[in-house]
């Protein structure tokens, strides 16, 4: 039977990402050719190796076209700053000060001098095909009885009525409501010390899983988390796998 996995926010941590993939193959039995991996966004900003991360994700998509790569709010911030002239967020430094500096540095050539780093204009040297790839990432995915999104959905609105802003940015307004959208929602964005499983705890319901949060990276410490998702109708507790932060 084909397996289904999801991976939380990466934030430029290439070493943790490659180590986690080794763990999934070696311990969880991931078969990349037949199993699906859904990445929940926030590939950029914070860690030292955004360029390597995006290079690897693009390579995986070419090799495994059934894998899914969603957009996160940090991709949206980066694109707004570098492609869309701050039309959504209105401030280039909103991206720069939330991990954008580290992202830009990861694209500089190794021989760049201190002067080069001081005067750099990221839009001039960040790979255009990386920006184009990030710009075409979907916001949601629906597969095998699960919904996938970077941040969450706003209750009680139907999925067709959700705003992109909420799918990229919502936090407590989503998961604290424990709203049942009909399928468990797998999300990142909100960092937890450990992955969180939220149940429908209303008295007239059976406590089914309504959401699973797997962002444990905290930008530059913590760990990268993956989850193996079993068929939703089995009500089995998901299995988690971790790659601890490598200093």
Protein backbone atom coordinates (compact mmCIF):
# COMPACT_ATOMS: atom_id res chain seq x y z
CA UNK A 1 0.00 0.00 0.00
CA UNK A 2 1.28 3.45 -0.88
CA UNK A 3 2.33 5.60 2.06
CA UNK A 4 1.67 9.28 2.69
CA UNK A 5 4.06 11.62 4.52
CA UNK A 6 4.21 15.35 5.27
CA UNK A 7 7.20 17.49 6.24
CA UNK A 8 6.98 20.71 8.24
CA UNK A 9 8.72 24.07 7.93
CA UNK A 10 12.35 23.76 6.78
CA UNK A 11 13.52 27.41 6.93
CA UNK A 12 16.79 27.00 5.07
CA UNK A 13 18.09 24.02 7.06
CA UNK A 14 19.49 21.75 4.37
CA UNK A 15 21.43 19.38 6.63
CA UNK A 16 18.34 18.65 8.72
CA UNK A 17 16.27 18.10 5.58
CA UNK A 18 18.61 15.57 4.01
CA UNK A 19 19.04 13.78 7.33
CA UNK A 20 15.26 13.58 7.77
CA UNK A 21 14.83 12.10 4.30
CA UNK A 22 17.44 9.46 5.15
CA UNK A 23 15.45 8.66 8.30
CA UNK A 24 12.19 8.35 6.35
CA UNK A 25 13.78 5.97 3.87
CA UNK A 26 15.68 3.95 6.46
CA UNK A 27 13.22 3.86 9.38
CA UNK A 28 9.78 4.61 7.94
CA UNK A 29 10.21 2.64 4.74
CA UNK A 30 9.58 5.56 2.40
CA UNK A 31 9.67 4.47 -1.24
CA UNK A 32 10.09 7.76 -3.11
CA UNK A 33 8.95 6.26 -6.40
CA UNK A 34 5.54 5.20 -5.11
CA UNK A 35 4.89 7.03 -1.83
CA UNK A 36 3.84 10.67 -1.59
CA UNK A 37 5.59 13.38 0.43
CA UNK A 38 3.79 16.69 0.98
CA UNK A 39 5.96 19.66 1.98
CA UNK A 40 4.04 22.32 3.91
CA UNK A 41 5.99 25.42 2.86
CA UNK A 42 8.42 27.84 4.51
CA UNK A 43 11.47 26.46 2.76
CA UNK A 44 13.27 29.81 2.97
CA UNK A 45 14.46 32.29 5.65
CA UNK A 46 16.22 31.66 8.93
CA UNK A 47 18.71 28.88 8.29
CA UNK A 48 21.99 29.16 6.37
CA UNK A 49 21.18 27.12 3.26
CA UNK A 50 17.99 28.26 1.55
CA UNK A 51 19.60 28.02 -1.90
CA UNK A 52 20.54 24.38 -1.31
CA UNK A 53 17.09 23.60 0.07
CA UNK A 54 15.27 25.04 -2.94
CA UNK A 55 17.70 23.37 -5.35
CA UNK A 56 16.97 20.04 -3.68
CA UNK A 57 13.19 20.51 -3.66
CA UNK A 58 13.18 21.36 -7.37
CA UNK A 59 15.29 18.27 -8.08
CA UNK A 60 12.91 16.09 -6.08
CA UNK A 61 9.91 17.47 -7.91
CA UNK A 62 11.53 16.62 -11.23
CA UNK A 63 12.43 13.13 -10.02
CA UNK A 64 9.17 12.46 -8.13
CA UNK A 65 6.39 14.44 -9.84
CA UNK A 66 3.78 12.96 -7.49
CA UNK A 67 5.34 14.78 -4.52
CA UNK A 68 3.66 18.02 -3.45
CA UNK A 69 5.28 21.33 -2.49
CA UNK A 70 3.00 23.97 -0.94
CA UNK A 71 3.66 27.68 -0.47
CA UNK A 72 4.28 29.17 2.97
CA UNK A 73 4.06 32.71 4.27
CA UNK A 74 7.85 33.14 4.06
CA UNK A 75 7.82 32.34 0.36
CA UNK A 76 5.05 34.92 0.03
CA UNK A 77 7.09 37.52 1.94
CA UNK A 78 10.16 36.83 -0.18
CA UNK A 79 8.27 37.05 -3.47
CA UNK A 80 6.54 40.24 -2.39
CA UNK A 81 9.89 41.84 -1.59
CA UNK A 82 11.82 40.64 -4.64
CA UNK A 83 9.23 40.24 -7.40
CA UNK A 84 6.14 42.28 -6.61
CA UNK A 85 7.65 45.50 -5.23
CA UNK A 86 6.05 45.10 -1.79
CA UNK A 87 2.50 45.37 -3.14
CA UNK A 88 1.01 43.09 -0.47
CA UNK A 89 3.02 43.68 2.69
CA UNK A 90 4.30 47.17 1.93
CA UNK A 91 7.74 46.77 3.49
CA UNK A 92 10.82 45.07 2.05
CA UNK A 93 12.36 44.80 5.52
CA UNK A 94 9.45 42.74 6.79
CA UNK A 95 11.00 39.92 4.76
CA UNK A 96 14.64 40.95 5.32
CA UNK A 97 14.32 41.06 9.11
CA UNK A 98 12.42 37.76 9.38
CA UNK A 99 15.12 35.56 7.92
CA UNK A 100 15.50 37.20 4.52
CA UNK A 101 19.07 38.26 5.28
CA UNK A 102 20.13 34.63 5.76
CA UNK A 103 18.30 33.65 2.59
CA UNK A 104 20.09 36.33 0.58
CA UNK A 105 23.49 35.35 2.00
CA UNK A 106 22.93 31.74 0.94
CA UNK A 107 22.82 32.86 -2.70
CA UNK A 108 26.02 34.89 -2.59
CA UNK A 109 29.05 33.22 -4.20
CA UNK A 110 31.57 31.87 -1.68
CA UNK A 111 34.18 34.40 -2.81
CA UNK A 112 31.92 37.39 -2.03
CA UNK A 113 33.77 39.99 0.01
CA UNK A 114 32.51 41.79 3.08
CA UNK A 115 31.90 44.79 0.84
CA UNK A 116 29.85 42.66 -1.57
CA UNK A 117 27.74 41.45 1.33
CA UNK A 118 27.24 44.99 2.61
CA UNK A 119 25.93 46.39 -0.67
CA UNK A 120 24.16 43.32 -2.03
CA UNK A 121 20.83 43.66 -3.80
CA UNK A 122 19.22 40.22 -3.44
CA UNK A 123 16.98 40.56 -6.49
CA UNK A 124 20.11 40.82 -8.64
CA UNK A 125 21.59 37.43 -7.73
CA UNK A 126 18.88 35.17 -6.29
CA UNK A 127 18.19 32.57 -8.97
CA UNK A 128 15.25 33.60 -11.15
CA UNK A 129 14.13 30.02 -11.65
CA UNK A 130 13.98 29.60 -7.86
CA UNK A 131 11.67 32.61 -7.57
CA UNK A 132 9.53 31.32 -10.42
CA UNK A 133 9.25 27.90 -8.80
CA UNK A 134 8.32 29.34 -5.41
CA UNK A 135 5.75 31.58 -7.06
CA UNK A 136 3.89 28.65 -8.58
CA UNK A 137 3.49 26.63 -5.40
CA UNK A 138 -0.14 25.75 -4.53
CA UNK A 139 -1.70 26.74 -1.21
CA UNK A 140 -3.56 23.50 -0.45
CA UNK A 141 -3.59 19.81 -1.24
CA UNK A 142 -6.24 17.13 -0.67
CA UNK A 143 -5.22 13.47 -0.67
CA UNK A 144 -6.22 10.17 0.93
CA UNK A 145 -8.64 11.73 3.40
CA UNK A 146 -6.33 14.54 4.55
CA UNK A 147 -6.13 18.26 3.83
CA UNK A 148 -2.73 19.95 3.68
CA UNK A 149 -2.07 23.68 4.09
CA UNK A 150 0.75 25.83 5.41
CA UNK A 151 -1.02 27.69 8.24
CA UNK A 152 -4.62 26.50 8.42
CA UNK A 153 -8.18 27.44 7.55
CA UNK A 154 -10.56 29.92 9.15
CA UNK A 155 -13.62 28.35 10.79
CA UNK A 156 -16.48 28.07 10.04
CA UNK A 157 -16.06 29.01 6.39
CA UNK A 158 -16.23 26.39 3.67
CA UNK A 159 -12.93 25.45 2.08
CA UNK A 160 -13.99 27.09 -1.18
CA UNK A 161 -14.41 30.40 0.67
CA UNK A 162 -11.02 30.46 2.38
CA UNK A 163 -8.69 33.43 1.86
CA UNK A 164 -5.10 32.97 0.79
CA UNK A 165 -4.03 35.28 3.61
CA UNK A 166 -5.49 32.89 6.19
CA UNK A 167 -4.04 29.79 4.56
CA UNK A 168 -0.60 31.41 4.85
CA UNK A 169 -0.85 33.23 8.18
CA UNK A 170 -3.63 32.06 10.53
CA UNK A 171 -2.63 30.62 13.90
CA UNK A 172 -4.80 30.26 17.03
CA UNK A 173 -7.96 31.22 15.15
CA UNK A 174 -7.60 27.91 13.35
CA UNK A 175 -6.26 25.22 15.63
CA UNK A 176 -7.69 26.43 18.96
CA UNK A 177 -11.20 26.17 17.52
CA UNK A 178 -10.71 22.43 16.82
CA UNK A 179 -13.15 22.86 13.96
CA UNK A 180 -13.95 19.77 11.92
CA UNK A 181 -13.49 20.52 8.21
CA UNK A 182 -14.52 16.98 7.30
CA UNK A 183 -10.94 15.73 7.02
CA UNK A 184 -7.91 16.10 9.29
CA UNK A 185 -5.87 19.20 8.40
CA UNK A 186 -2.08 18.79 8.37
CA UNK A 187 -0.37 22.15 8.87
CA UNK A 188 2.88 23.91 9.73
CA UNK A 189 3.55 27.63 10.40
CA UNK A 190 2.83 27.69 14.14
CA UNK A 191 5.88 26.35 15.98
CA UNK A 192 5.34 23.83 18.75
CA UNK A 193 7.98 22.18 20.93
CA UNK A 194 6.52 18.84 19.81
CA UNK A 195 4.06 17.99 17.04
CA UNK A 196 0.46 18.49 18.11
CA UNK A 197 -2.61 16.39 17.37
CA UNK A 198 -5.95 18.15 17.84
CA UNK A 199 -9.19 16.22 18.36
CA UNK A 200 -12.83 17.14 17.93
CA UNK A 201 -13.72 17.22 21.63
CA UNK A 202 -17.37 18.21 21.34
CA UNK A 203 -19.61 16.01 23.54
CA UNK A 204 -21.65 14.73 20.60
CA UNK A 205 -18.63 13.68 18.55
CA UNK A 206 -16.22 10.77 18.75
CA UNK A 207 -12.96 12.62 19.26
CA UNK A 208 -11.67 12.16 15.73
CA UNK A 209 -8.50 13.94 14.69
CA UNK A 210 -9.23 17.35 13.17
CA UNK A 211 -5.72 18.83 12.83
CA UNK A 212 -2.05 17.83 13.05
CA UNK A 213 0.61 20.55 13.54
CA UNK A 214 4.18 19.63 12.60
CA UNK A 215 6.20 22.87 12.66
CA UNK A 216 8.88 22.31 15.29
CA UNK A 217 11.79 24.13 13.64
CA UNK A 218 11.52 27.58 15.30
CA UNK A 219 13.54 29.05 12.38
CA UNK A 220 17.00 28.34 13.79
CA UNK A 221 16.66 25.76 16.54
CA UNK A 222 14.50 22.80 17.45
CA UNK A 223 14.00 19.98 14.97
CA UNK A 224 12.50 19.24 11.59
CA UNK A 225 9.45 16.98 11.78
CA UNK A 226 7.84 14.55 9.36
CA UNK A 227 4.61 12.65 9.88
CA UNK A 228 3.42 9.41 8.36
CA UNK A 229 -0.33 9.55 7.86
CA UNK A 230 -2.36 6.38 7.94
CA UNK A 231 -5.71 6.00 6.14
CA UNK A 232 -8.03 8.49 7.81
CA UNK A 233 -10.84 5.96 8.20
CA UNK A 234 -8.61 3.80 10.41
CA UNK A 235 -8.40 6.55 13.08
CA UNK A 236 -4.81 5.51 13.73
CA UNK A 237 -2.50 7.91 15.53
CA UNK A 238 0.09 9.35 13.12
CA UNK A 239 3.76 8.40 13.40
CA UNK A 240 6.33 11.19 13.76
CA UNK A 241 9.98 11.29 12.70
CA UNK A 242 12.53 13.93 13.64
CA UNK A 243 15.81 15.43 12.51
CA UNK A 244 17.27 17.43 15.37
CA UNK A 245 18.86 20.80 14.70
CA UNK A 246 22.51 20.48 13.72
CA UNK A 247 24.54 23.48 14.94
